[in-house]
């Protein structure tokens, strides 16, 4: 069994991606002790934050989600219909190739008897 790596091992450091209050306090404590690193192991992630002044348009997002679900349901229904059609065609073809008669029902309008 392997022993845990010492805390000073740079290969086994946990790098927080969000600046939590606990992380900020730990960085401040390291700065006062003089043990803070000059260059952080990763760059500042604030440049990737998407802050905009306009609020999210939840109505548009909901309509887009509903449209996506409708497209997915339509594709599933079309797939089921195609699979059913192929199964019935295969059944009819097997019937005909086996030499049987009357494989495909013919619907004729009923003639009235006078």
Protein backbone atom coordinates (compact mmCIF):
# COMPACT_ATOMS: atom_id res chain seq x y z
CA UNK A 1 0.00 0.00 0.00
CA UNK A 2 1.26 3.45 -0.87
CA UNK A 3 1.76 6.13 1.76
CA UNK A 4 0.14 9.53 1.33
CA UNK A 5 2.36 12.09 -0.32
CA UNK A 6 3.70 14.85 1.93
CA UNK A 7 1.91 18.19 1.72
CA UNK A 8 5.03 19.80 0.25
CA UNK A 9 4.93 17.53 -2.80
CA UNK A 10 4.05 19.86 -5.73
CA UNK A 11 2.62 16.98 -7.79
CA UNK A 12 -0.16 16.34 -5.29
CA UNK A 13 -1.53 19.81 -4.67
CA UNK A 14 -5.21 20.59 -4.86
CA UNK A 15 -5.75 23.82 -6.73
CA UNK A 16 -9.06 25.53 -5.93
CA UNK A 17 -10.76 26.93 -8.99
CA UNK A 18 -13.22 29.14 -7.12
CA UNK A 19 -12.10 31.83 -4.74
CA UNK A 20 -13.92 30.70 -1.63
CA UNK A 21 -13.62 32.68 1.60
CA UNK A 22 -11.54 29.86 3.11
CA UNK A 23 -9.16 29.97 0.16
CA UNK A 24 -8.84 33.75 0.36
CA UNK A 25 -8.11 33.53 4.10
CA UNK A 26 -5.43 30.89 3.51
CA UNK A 27 -3.80 33.02 0.79
CA UNK A 28 -3.86 36.07 3.09
CA UNK A 29 -2.27 34.01 5.89
CA UNK A 30 0.45 32.79 3.53
CA UNK A 31 1.15 36.35 2.39
CA UNK A 32 1.60 37.52 5.97
CA UNK A 33 3.92 34.57 6.68
CA UNK A 34 5.90 35.27 3.52
CA UNK A 35 5.26 31.80 2.11
CA UNK A 36 3.01 32.85 -0.75
CA UNK A 37 4.06 31.74 -4.20
CA UNK A 38 5.12 34.47 -6.56
CA UNK A 39 3.31 32.96 -9.55
CA UNK A 40 0.15 30.94 -8.98
CA UNK A 41 0.19 27.44 -10.51
CA UNK A 42 -2.61 28.46 -12.85
CA UNK A 43 -3.61 31.81 -14.23
CA UNK A 44 -6.49 33.87 -12.93
CA UNK A 45 -9.83 32.36 -13.94
CA UNK A 46 -11.68 35.67 -13.75
CA UNK A 47 -11.05 36.24 -17.44
CA UNK A 48 -13.33 33.29 -18.23
CA UNK A 49 -16.23 34.56 -16.12
CA UNK A 50 -19.11 35.77 -18.25
CA UNK A 51 -20.54 38.80 -16.62
CA UNK A 52 -23.04 40.78 -18.60
CA UNK A 53 -25.36 43.59 -17.64
CA UNK A 54 -28.40 42.09 -19.34
CA UNK A 55 -30.33 39.45 -17.37
CA UNK A 56 -30.90 35.93 -18.63
CA UNK A 57 -33.92 35.53 -20.89
CA UNK A 58 -35.53 32.51 -19.22
CA UNK A 59 -38.60 32.64 -21.48
CA UNK A 60 -36.42 32.30 -24.59
CA UNK A 61 -34.41 29.53 -22.95
CA UNK A 62 -37.61 27.63 -22.08
CA UNK A 63 -38.95 28.00 -25.61
CA UNK A 64 -35.64 26.73 -27.01
CA UNK A 65 -35.74 23.74 -24.64
CA UNK A 66 -39.34 22.97 -25.63
CA UNK A 67 -38.42 23.18 -29.32
CA UNK A 68 -35.48 20.83 -28.74
CA UNK A 69 -37.66 18.33 -26.92
CA UNK A 70 -40.27 18.52 -29.71
CA UNK A 71 -37.61 17.79 -32.33
CA UNK A 72 -36.31 14.85 -30.28
CA UNK A 73 -39.84 13.42 -29.87
CA UNK A 74 -40.49 13.84 -33.61
CA UNK A 75 -37.26 11.99 -34.44
CA UNK A 76 -38.14 9.17 -32.04
CA UNK A 77 -41.66 8.87 -33.50
CA UNK A 78 -40.28 8.82 -37.05
CA UNK A 79 -37.77 6.12 -36.07
CA UNK A 80 -40.49 3.96 -34.53
CA UNK A 81 -42.71 4.40 -37.60
CA UNK A 82 -39.86 3.44 -39.96
CA UNK A 83 -38.98 0.39 -37.84
CA UNK A 84 -42.63 -0.74 -37.82
CA UNK A 85 -42.95 -0.26 -41.59
CA UNK A 86 -39.77 -2.23 -42.20
CA UNK A 87 -40.98 -5.06 -39.93
CA UNK A 88 -44.32 -5.35 -41.73
CA UNK A 89 -42.60 -5.27 -45.15
CA UNK A 90 -40.22 -8.02 -44.02
CA UNK A 91 -43.13 -10.09 -42.75
CA UNK A 92 -44.99 -9.73 -46.07
CA UNK A 93 -41.85 -10.51 -48.08
CA UNK A 94 -41.15 -13.64 -46.02
CA UNK A 95 -44.74 -14.75 -46.57
CA UNK A 96 -44.51 -14.28 -50.35
CA UNK A 97 -41.07 -15.92 -50.63
CA UNK A 98 -42.30 -18.98 -48.74
CA UNK A 99 -44.90 -19.53 -51.48
CA UNK A 100 -48.03 -18.77 -49.51
CA UNK A 101 -50.98 -16.93 -50.96
CA UNK A 102 -53.00 -14.15 -49.45
CA UNK A 103 -50.07 -12.66 -47.62
CA UNK A 104 -51.12 -9.07 -48.07
CA UNK A 105 -54.69 -8.31 -47.17
CA UNK A 106 -56.53 -6.45 -49.89
CA UNK A 107 -59.16 -4.09 -48.63
CA UNK A 108 -62.04 -3.81 -51.03
CA UNK A 109 -65.08 -1.69 -50.39
CA UNK A 110 -68.05 -3.72 -49.41
CA UNK A 111 -70.66 -3.74 -52.14
CA UNK A 112 -74.21 -3.36 -50.94
CA UNK A 113 -76.44 -6.34 -51.60
CA UNK A 114 -79.78 -5.41 -53.03
